[in-house]
Amino acid sequence: MATQQTAPPVLTELKLPSALKDTVNSALERGRMLAVAYVGADGRPELSFRGSVQAYSDTQLAIWVRNPEGGILAAVRGGRPHITLLYGELRPDSKAFVTFRGRGRIESSEAARRAVYDHSPELERNLDKERRGLPLIIDLDSVDGIFGGNVLKMRR
């Protein structure tokens, strides 16, 4: 007799689970980075790895951008705020494939600067000891993928 498999739970509310926040926050120390895509000045997609990506709230991610004149901040300043982040991990005991989509904004308050810088991995902080960078806050619109045995179809 065949056993019937049950479909994994589908999470639809845009609220990052604490385990997903922990996964994002500890990615670099576990040898992982998130790929970040944005639209460059020429309208083409740009893609880079970022080691300082972190959960900023239940519905936001943040990145400490060391170069305040860098491409991702220029994109946001230039009216191209759409950002996609991709995380992947395949291990015998777990798998995670997550796509985060949202809109970036530069946050210049001292409280945000301190929080994002201080919560960045030490390796990233050591590359900007003078704190010349800026925090980029990404207000999430959607989170899709597989994580923690759940299907993610989260929407704002």
N, C-alpha and C. Protein backbone atom coordinates (compact mmCIF):
# COMPACT_ATOMS: atom_id res chain seq x y z
N MET A 1 0.84 -1.17 0.00
CA MET A 1 0.00 0.00 0.00
C MET A 1 0.89 1.24 0.00
N ALA A 2 0.65 2.15 -0.88
CA ALA A 2 1.45 3.38 -0.99
C ALA A 2 1.01 4.37 0.08
N THR A 3 2.00 5.03 0.63
CA THR A 3 1.66 6.07 1.61
C THR A 3 1.53 7.39 0.87
N GLN A 4 0.59 8.15 1.33
CA GLN A 4 0.34 9.44 0.70
C GLN A 4 1.20 10.51 1.38
N GLN A 5 1.97 11.23 0.57
CA GLN A 5 2.79 12.30 1.11
C GLN A 5 1.94 13.54 1.28
N THR A 6 2.16 14.22 2.38
CA THR A 6 1.44 15.48 2.58
C THR A 6 2.30 16.62 2.04
N ALA A 7 1.64 17.59 1.49
CA ALA A 7 2.34 18.75 0.96
C ALA A 7 2.92 19.55 2.11
N PRO A 8 4.10 20.13 1.90
CA PRO A 8 4.68 20.95 2.98
C PRO A 8 3.83 22.19 3.21
N PRO A 9 3.87 22.71 4.43
CA PRO A 9 3.11 23.92 4.73
C PRO A 9 3.58 25.09 3.85
N VAL A 10 2.65 25.94 3.48
CA VAL A 10 2.97 27.13 2.68
C VAL A 10 2.79 28.35 3.57
N LEU A 11 3.87 29.12 3.71
CA LEU A 11 3.81 30.36 4.49
C LEU A 11 3.54 31.51 3.53
N THR A 12 2.49 32.28 3.80
CA THR A 12 2.11 33.37 2.90
C THR A 12 2.24 34.76 3.53
N GLU A 13 2.18 34.83 4.84
CA GLU A 13 2.32 36.14 5.50
C GLU A 13 3.77 36.59 5.42
N LEU A 14 3.99 37.82 5.01
CA LEU A 14 5.36 38.34 4.93
C LEU A 14 5.84 38.70 6.34
N LYS A 15 6.40 37.69 6.97
CA LYS A 15 7.00 37.84 8.30
C LYS A 15 8.11 36.81 8.36
N LEU A 16 9.35 37.28 8.36
CA LEU A 16 10.49 36.37 8.35
C LEU A 16 10.52 35.53 9.62
N PRO A 17 10.50 34.21 9.49
CA PRO A 17 10.61 33.36 10.67
C PRO A 17 11.98 33.56 11.34
N SER A 18 12.03 33.37 12.63
CA SER A 18 13.29 33.61 13.35
C SER A 18 14.41 32.71 12.83
N ALA A 19 14.10 31.48 12.44
CA ALA A 19 15.14 30.59 11.92
C ALA A 19 15.70 31.12 10.60
N LEU A 20 14.87 31.73 9.77
CA LEU A 20 15.35 32.31 8.52
C LEU A 20 16.20 33.55 8.80
N LYS A 21 15.79 34.35 9.76
CA LYS A 21 16.61 35.51 10.17
C LYS A 21 17.98 35.04 10.64
N ASP A 22 18.00 34.00 11.48
CA ASP A 22 19.27 33.48 11.98
C ASP A 22 20.15 32.96 10.84
N THR A 23 19.54 32.31 9.86
CA THR A 23 20.27 31.79 8.71
C THR A 23 20.91 32.92 7.93
N VAL A 24 20.15 33.98 7.68
CA VAL A 24 20.69 35.15 6.96
C VAL A 24 21.80 35.80 7.78
N ASN A 25 21.55 36.00 9.06
CA ASN A 25 22.51 36.71 9.92
C ASN A 25 23.81 35.94 10.11
N SER A 26 23.77 34.65 10.01
CA SER A 26 24.98 33.84 10.24
C SER A 26 25.59 33.30 8.94
N ALA A 27 25.09 33.74 7.81
CA ALA A 27 25.54 33.19 6.53
C ALA A 27 27.05 33.29 6.36
N LEU A 28 27.62 34.47 6.56
CA LEU A 28 29.05 34.65 6.30
C LEU A 28 29.90 33.80 7.23
N GLU A 29 29.55 33.73 8.49
CA GLU A 29 30.36 32.93 9.41
C GLU A 29 30.25 31.43 9.11
N ARG A 30 29.24 31.03 8.36
CA ARG A 30 29.11 29.64 7.92
C ARG A 30 29.66 29.45 6.51
N GLY A 31 30.36 30.46 5.99
CA GLY A 31 30.98 30.35 4.67
C GLY A 31 30.03 30.58 3.52
N ARG A 32 28.93 31.25 3.77
CA ARG A 32 27.94 31.53 2.73
C ARG A 32 27.77 33.05 2.60
N MET A 33 27.37 33.45 1.41
CA MET A 33 27.02 34.87 1.21
C MET A 33 25.76 34.91 0.37
N LEU A 34 25.06 36.01 0.45
CA LEU A 34 23.88 36.18 -0.37
C LEU A 34 24.25 36.92 -1.64
N ALA A 35 23.71 36.47 -2.76
CA ALA A 35 23.87 37.18 -4.02
C ALA A 35 22.82 38.28 -4.06
N VAL A 36 23.26 39.46 -4.48
CA VAL A 36 22.37 40.62 -4.52
C VAL A 36 22.35 41.16 -5.94
N ALA A 37 21.14 41.36 -6.47
CA ALA A 37 20.98 41.90 -7.82
C ALA A 37 20.24 43.23 -7.75
N TYR A 38 20.67 44.14 -8.60
CA TYR A 38 20.02 45.45 -8.72
C TYR A 38 20.18 45.92 -10.16
N VAL A 39 19.52 47.02 -10.50
CA VAL A 39 19.56 47.52 -11.87
C VAL A 39 20.59 48.64 -11.96
N GLY A 40 21.59 48.45 -12.84
CA GLY A 40 22.65 49.43 -13.01
C GLY A 40 22.17 50.64 -13.81
N ALA A 41 23.06 51.62 -13.91
CA ALA A 41 22.73 52.87 -14.60
C ALA A 41 22.39 52.65 -16.07
N ASP A 42 22.95 51.60 -16.67
CA ASP A 42 22.68 51.31 -18.08
C ASP A 42 21.44 50.44 -18.28
N GLY A 43 20.71 50.17 -17.19
CA GLY A 43 19.49 49.37 -17.27
C GLY A 43 19.72 47.88 -17.22
N ARG A 44 20.96 47.47 -17.12
CA ARG A 44 21.29 46.04 -17.07
C ARG A 44 21.36 45.56 -15.62
N PRO A 45 21.10 44.28 -15.43
CA PRO A 45 21.21 43.75 -14.07
C PRO A 45 22.67 43.69 -13.61
N GLU A 46 22.88 44.02 -12.38
CA GLU A 46 24.18 43.89 -11.72
C GLU A 46 24.02 42.86 -10.61
N LEU A 47 25.05 42.08 -10.38
CA LEU A 47 24.98 41.01 -9.40
C LEU A 47 26.28 40.98 -8.60
N SER A 48 26.15 40.88 -7.28
CA SER A 48 27.34 40.78 -6.44
C SER A 48 27.01 39.99 -5.18
N PHE A 49 28.05 39.48 -4.54
CA PHE A 49 27.89 38.83 -3.25
C PHE A 49 28.08 39.86 -2.16
N ARG A 50 27.27 39.76 -1.12
CA ARG A 50 27.38 40.68 0.01
C ARG A 50 27.44 39.87 1.30
N GLY A 51 28.47 40.17 2.09
CA GLY A 51 28.66 39.44 3.34
C GLY A 51 27.99 40.08 4.54
N SER A 52 27.45 41.29 4.38
CA SER A 52 26.86 41.98 5.53
C SER A 52 25.35 41.96 5.52
N VAL A 53 24.73 41.15 4.67
CA VAL A 53 23.26 41.08 4.66
C VAL A 53 22.78 40.57 6.00
N GLN A 54 21.74 41.21 6.50
CA GLN A 54 21.21 40.84 7.81
C GLN A 54 19.71 41.13 7.87
N ALA A 55 19.03 40.39 8.72
CA ALA A 55 17.62 40.67 8.98
C ALA A 55 17.56 41.93 9.83
N TYR A 56 16.79 42.90 9.37
CA TYR A 56 16.66 44.18 10.08
C TYR A 56 15.36 44.23 10.87
N SER A 57 14.35 43.54 10.37
CA SER A 57 13.07 43.42 11.07
C SER A 57 12.36 42.20 10.49
N ASP A 58 11.11 42.01 10.85
CA ASP A 58 10.33 40.90 10.32
C ASP A 58 10.06 41.04 8.82
N THR A 59 10.18 42.26 8.29
CA THR A 59 9.85 42.51 6.88
C THR A 59 10.94 43.27 6.14
N GLN A 60 12.13 43.32 6.73
CA GLN A 60 13.23 44.08 6.12
C GLN A 60 14.55 43.34 6.26
N LEU A 61 15.40 43.53 5.25
CA LEU A 61 16.79 43.13 5.32
C LEU A 61 17.62 44.40 5.27
N ALA A 62 18.88 44.30 5.65
CA ALA A 62 19.79 45.44 5.59
C ALA A 62 21.15 44.97 5.11
N ILE A 63 21.87 45.89 4.50
CA ILE A 63 23.23 45.63 4.04
C ILE A 63 24.08 46.83 4.46
N TRP A 64 25.25 46.58 5.05
CA TRP A 64 26.22 47.64 5.26
C TRP A 64 27.02 47.75 3.97
N VAL A 65 26.85 48.86 3.26
CA VAL A 65 27.53 49.06 1.98
C VAL A 65 28.78 49.89 2.26
N ARG A 66 29.94 49.26 2.17
CA ARG A 66 31.19 49.93 2.55
C ARG A 66 31.52 51.12 1.68
N ASN A 67 31.21 51.05 0.40
CA ASN A 67 31.51 52.16 -0.51
C ASN A 67 30.27 53.01 -0.72
N PRO A 68 30.22 54.21 -0.13
CA PRO A 68 29.01 55.03 -0.26
C PRO A 68 28.74 55.51 -1.68
N GLU A 69 29.72 55.38 -2.56
CA GLU A 69 29.54 55.77 -3.97
C GLU A 69 29.34 54.54 -4.86
N GLY A 70 29.19 53.38 -4.27
CA GLY A 70 29.10 52.13 -5.02
C GLY A 70 27.85 52.02 -5.86
N GLY A 71 27.85 51.01 -6.72
CA GLY A 71 26.79 50.84 -7.70
C GLY A 71 25.41 50.62 -7.12
N ILE A 72 25.31 49.84 -6.05
CA ILE A 72 23.98 49.55 -5.50
C ILE A 72 23.35 50.81 -4.90
N LEU A 73 24.16 51.63 -4.24
CA LEU A 73 23.62 52.88 -3.69
C LEU A 73 23.33 53.88 -4.80
N ALA A 74 24.15 53.88 -5.85
CA ALA A 74 23.88 54.76 -7.00
C ALA A 74 22.57 54.36 -7.66
N ALA A 75 22.29 53.07 -7.72
CA ALA A 75 21.02 52.60 -8.30
C ALA A 75 19.84 53.12 -7.49
N VAL A 76 19.92 53.00 -6.18
CA VAL A 76 18.83 53.47 -5.32
C VAL A 76 18.67 54.98 -5.45
N ARG A 77 19.78 55.70 -5.39
CA ARG A 77 19.72 57.16 -5.56
C ARG A 77 19.16 57.56 -6.93
N GLY A 78 19.43 56.74 -7.93
CA GLY A 78 19.01 57.02 -9.30
C GLY A 78 17.60 56.57 -9.63
N GLY A 79 16.83 56.21 -8.62
CA GLY A 79 15.44 55.83 -8.86
C GLY A 79 15.25 54.39 -9.30
N ARG A 80 16.24 53.54 -9.05
CA ARG A 80 16.15 52.12 -9.38
C ARG A 80 16.29 51.31 -8.09
N PRO A 81 15.27 51.34 -7.24
CA PRO A 81 15.39 50.75 -5.90
C PRO A 81 15.16 49.24 -5.84
N HIS A 82 14.72 48.62 -6.93
CA HIS A 82 14.37 47.20 -6.88
C HIS A 82 15.62 46.33 -6.70
N ILE A 83 15.55 45.47 -5.68
CA ILE A 83 16.68 44.63 -5.31
C ILE A 83 16.17 43.21 -5.09
N THR A 84 16.93 42.25 -5.57
CA THR A 84 16.63 40.84 -5.33
C THR A 84 17.85 40.20 -4.67
N LEU A 85 17.61 39.39 -3.66
CA LEU A 85 18.67 38.66 -2.98
C LEU A 85 18.38 37.18 -3.08
N LEU A 86 19.42 36.39 -3.23
CA LEU A 86 19.27 34.95 -3.42
C LEU A 86 20.15 34.21 -2.42
N TYR A 87 19.55 33.26 -1.71
CA TYR A 87 20.28 32.42 -0.76
C TYR A 87 20.03 30.97 -1.13
N GLY A 88 21.08 30.17 -1.13
CA GLY A 88 20.94 28.75 -1.40
C GLY A 88 21.85 27.93 -0.52
N GLU A 89 21.34 26.79 -0.10
CA GLU A 89 22.13 25.88 0.74
C GLU A 89 21.57 24.48 0.55
N LEU A 90 22.44 23.56 0.27
CA LEU A 90 22.01 22.18 0.10
C LEU A 90 22.93 21.30 0.93
N ARG A 91 22.36 20.75 2.01
CA ARG A 91 23.10 19.86 2.89
C ARG A 91 22.29 18.59 3.08
N PRO A 92 22.93 17.53 3.53
CA PRO A 92 22.16 16.28 3.74
C PRO A 92 21.01 16.45 4.74
N ASP A 93 21.19 17.33 5.72
CA ASP A 93 20.17 17.48 6.75
C ASP A 93 19.20 18.63 6.51
N SER A 94 19.45 19.47 5.52
CA SER A 94 18.51 20.56 5.25
C SER A 94 18.78 21.15 3.88
N LYS A 95 17.76 21.82 3.38
CA LYS A 95 17.95 22.56 2.15
C LYS A 95 17.20 23.87 2.27
N ALA A 96 17.76 24.87 1.63
CA ALA A 96 17.14 26.20 1.65
C ALA A 96 17.43 26.87 0.32
N PHE A 97 16.39 27.31 -0.33
CA PHE A 97 16.49 28.09 -1.55
C PHE A 97 15.51 29.24 -1.37
N VAL A 98 16.02 30.44 -1.20
CA VAL A 98 15.15 31.57 -0.87
C VAL A 98 15.49 32.76 -1.75
N THR A 99 14.45 33.37 -2.32
CA THR A 99 14.58 34.60 -3.09
C THR A 99 13.83 35.69 -2.35
N PHE A 100 14.56 36.75 -2.03
CA PHE A 100 13.98 37.93 -1.37
C PHE A 100 13.88 39.04 -2.41
N ARG A 101 12.71 39.68 -2.52
CA ARG A 101 12.56 40.81 -3.45
C ARG A 101 12.02 42.00 -2.67
N GLY A 102 12.59 43.18 -2.98
CA GLY A 102 12.12 44.38 -2.29
C GLY A 102 12.67 45.64 -2.90
N ARG A 103 12.51 46.71 -2.16
CA ARG A 103 12.95 48.03 -2.59
C ARG A 103 13.92 48.58 -1.56
N GLY A 104 15.08 49.01 -2.05
CA GLY A 104 16.11 49.52 -1.16
C GLY A 104 15.97 51.02 -0.94
N ARG A 105 16.41 51.43 0.24
CA ARG A 105 16.48 52.85 0.57
C ARG A 105 17.66 53.06 1.50
N ILE A 106 18.30 54.19 1.32
CA ILE A 106 19.46 54.52 2.14
C ILE A 106 18.95 55.14 3.43
N GLU A 107 19.44 54.64 4.53
CA GLU A 107 19.03 55.15 5.84
C GLU A 107 20.23 55.85 6.46
N SER A 108 20.10 57.13 6.72
CA SER A 108 21.25 57.89 7.21
C SER A 108 21.19 58.24 8.69
N SER A 109 20.15 57.81 9.40
CA SER A 109 20.09 58.12 10.83
C SER A 109 21.25 57.42 11.54
N GLU A 110 21.73 58.04 12.59
CA GLU A 110 22.84 57.46 13.34
C GLU A 110 22.43 56.14 13.98
N ALA A 111 21.19 56.04 14.42
CA ALA A 111 20.72 54.79 15.03
C ALA A 111 20.77 53.64 14.03
N ALA A 112 20.32 53.87 12.81
CA ALA A 112 20.36 52.83 11.77
C ALA A 112 21.80 52.52 11.39
N ARG A 113 22.62 53.56 11.23
CA ARG A 113 24.03 53.34 10.90
C ARG A 113 24.69 52.44 11.94
N ARG A 114 24.47 52.77 13.18
CA ARG A 114 25.09 51.99 14.27
C ARG A 114 24.56 50.56 14.27
N ALA A 115 23.24 50.40 14.16
CA ALA A 115 22.64 49.06 14.23
C ALA A 115 23.14 48.17 13.09
N VAL A 116 23.11 48.67 11.86
CA VAL A 116 23.50 47.83 10.73
C VAL A 116 24.99 47.54 10.75
N TYR A 117 25.80 48.55 11.06
CA TYR A 117 27.25 48.33 11.15
C TYR A 117 27.56 47.32 12.26
N ASP A 118 27.00 47.56 13.45
CA ASP A 118 27.30 46.71 14.60
C ASP A 118 26.84 45.27 14.41
N HIS A 119 25.78 45.06 13.64
CA HIS A 119 25.27 43.71 13.42
C HIS A 119 25.90 43.03 12.20
N SER A 120 26.79 43.73 11.52
CA SER A 120 27.52 43.12 10.41
C SER A 120 28.59 42.19 10.97
N PRO A 121 28.93 41.15 10.23
CA PRO A 121 29.99 40.25 10.70
C PRO A 121 31.30 41.02 10.92
N GLU A 122 32.09 40.56 11.86
CA GLU A 122 33.35 41.21 12.19
C GLU A 122 34.24 41.38 10.95
N LEU A 123 34.28 40.38 10.10
CA LEU A 123 35.07 40.47 8.87
C LEU A 123 34.67 41.70 8.06
N GLU A 124 33.38 41.94 7.92
CA GLU A 124 32.90 43.11 7.18
C GLU A 124 33.23 44.41 7.91
N ARG A 125 33.05 44.43 9.22
CA ARG A 125 33.37 45.65 9.99
C ARG A 125 34.85 45.98 9.88
N ASN A 126 35.69 44.96 9.87
CA ASN A 126 37.14 45.20 9.78
C ASN A 126 37.54 45.81 8.44
N LEU A 127 36.70 45.65 7.42
CA LEU A 127 36.99 46.24 6.11
C LEU A 127 36.53 47.70 6.02
N ASP A 128 35.84 48.19 7.05
CA ASP A 128 35.38 49.58 7.10
C ASP A 128 35.42 50.08 8.54
N LYS A 129 36.61 50.04 9.12
CA LYS A 129 36.76 50.44 10.53
C LYS A 129 36.39 51.90 10.77
N GLU A 130 36.50 52.73 9.74
CA GLU A 130 36.16 54.15 9.88
C GLU A 130 34.67 54.42 9.70
N ARG A 131 33.90 53.37 9.43
CA ARG A 131 32.45 53.47 9.23
C ARG A 131 32.10 54.50 8.16
N ARG A 132 32.75 54.40 7.02
CA ARG A 132 32.47 55.31 5.90
C ARG A 132 31.27 54.87 5.08
N GLY A 133 30.86 53.63 5.24
CA GLY A 133 29.75 53.08 4.48
C GLY A 133 28.41 53.62 4.91
N LEU A 134 27.40 53.08 4.30
CA LEU A 134 26.02 53.48 4.59
C LEU A 134 25.13 52.24 4.71
N PRO A 135 24.11 52.34 5.55
CA PRO A 135 23.16 51.22 5.62
C PRO A 135 22.13 51.31 4.51
N LEU A 136 21.91 50.20 3.84
CA LEU A 136 20.86 50.07 2.84
C LEU A 136 19.79 49.18 3.45
N ILE A 137 18.60 49.72 3.59
CA ILE A 137 17.48 48.97 4.14
C ILE A 137 16.63 48.49 2.96
N ILE A 138 16.28 47.23 2.96
CA ILE A 138 15.47 46.66 1.89
C ILE A 138 14.10 46.30 2.48
N ASP A 139 13.10 47.05 2.05
CA ASP A 139 11.72 46.78 2.46
C ASP A 139 11.21 45.66 1.55
N LEU A 140 10.99 44.50 2.14
CA LEU A 140 10.64 43.32 1.34
C LEU A 140 9.22 43.40 0.80
N ASP A 141 9.06 42.98 -0.44
CA ASP A 141 7.76 42.85 -1.08
C ASP A 141 7.34 41.38 -1.14
N SER A 142 8.34 40.48 -1.28
CA SER A 142 8.04 39.06 -1.36
C SER A 142 9.25 38.23 -0.94
N VAL A 143 8.96 37.04 -0.47
CA VAL A 143 9.98 36.04 -0.13
C VAL A 143 9.44 34.71 -0.65
N ASP A 144 10.20 34.07 -1.54
CA ASP A 144 9.76 32.82 -2.15
C ASP A 144 10.85 31.76 -1.99
N GLY A 145 10.42 30.50 -1.94
CA GLY A 145 11.38 29.42 -1.92
C GLY A 145 10.99 28.28 -1.01
N ILE A 146 12.02 27.61 -0.52
CA ILE A 146 11.86 26.49 0.40
C ILE A 146 12.80 26.75 1.57
N PHE A 147 12.26 26.63 2.78
CA PHE A 147 13.09 26.83 3.97
C PHE A 147 12.43 26.13 5.14
N GLY A 148 13.23 25.38 5.90
CA GLY A 148 12.74 24.75 7.13
C GLY A 148 11.56 23.82 6.91
N GLY A 149 11.52 23.15 5.75
CA GLY A 149 10.42 22.25 5.47
C GLY A 149 9.15 22.93 5.02
N ASN A 150 9.21 24.24 4.82
CA ASN A 150 8.06 25.02 4.38
C ASN A 150 8.28 25.55 2.97
N VAL A 151 7.19 25.74 2.27
CA VAL A 151 7.22 26.48 1.01
C VAL A 151 6.95 27.93 1.35
N LEU A 152 7.78 28.82 0.83
CA LEU A 152 7.61 30.24 1.10
C LEU A 152 6.98 30.92 -0.10
N LYS A 153 5.85 31.55 0.12
CA LYS A 153 5.17 32.38 -0.88
C LYS A 153 4.65 33.61 -0.14
N MET A 154 5.58 34.28 0.50
CA MET A 154 5.22 35.41 1.37
C MET A 154 5.06 36.68 0.53
N ARG A 155 4.03 37.42 0.84
CA ARG A 155 3.75 38.67 0.13
C ARG A 155 3.41 39.77 1.12
N ARG A 156 3.80 41.00 0.75
CA ARG A 156 3.43 42.17 1.55
C ARG A 156 1.95 42.41 1.38
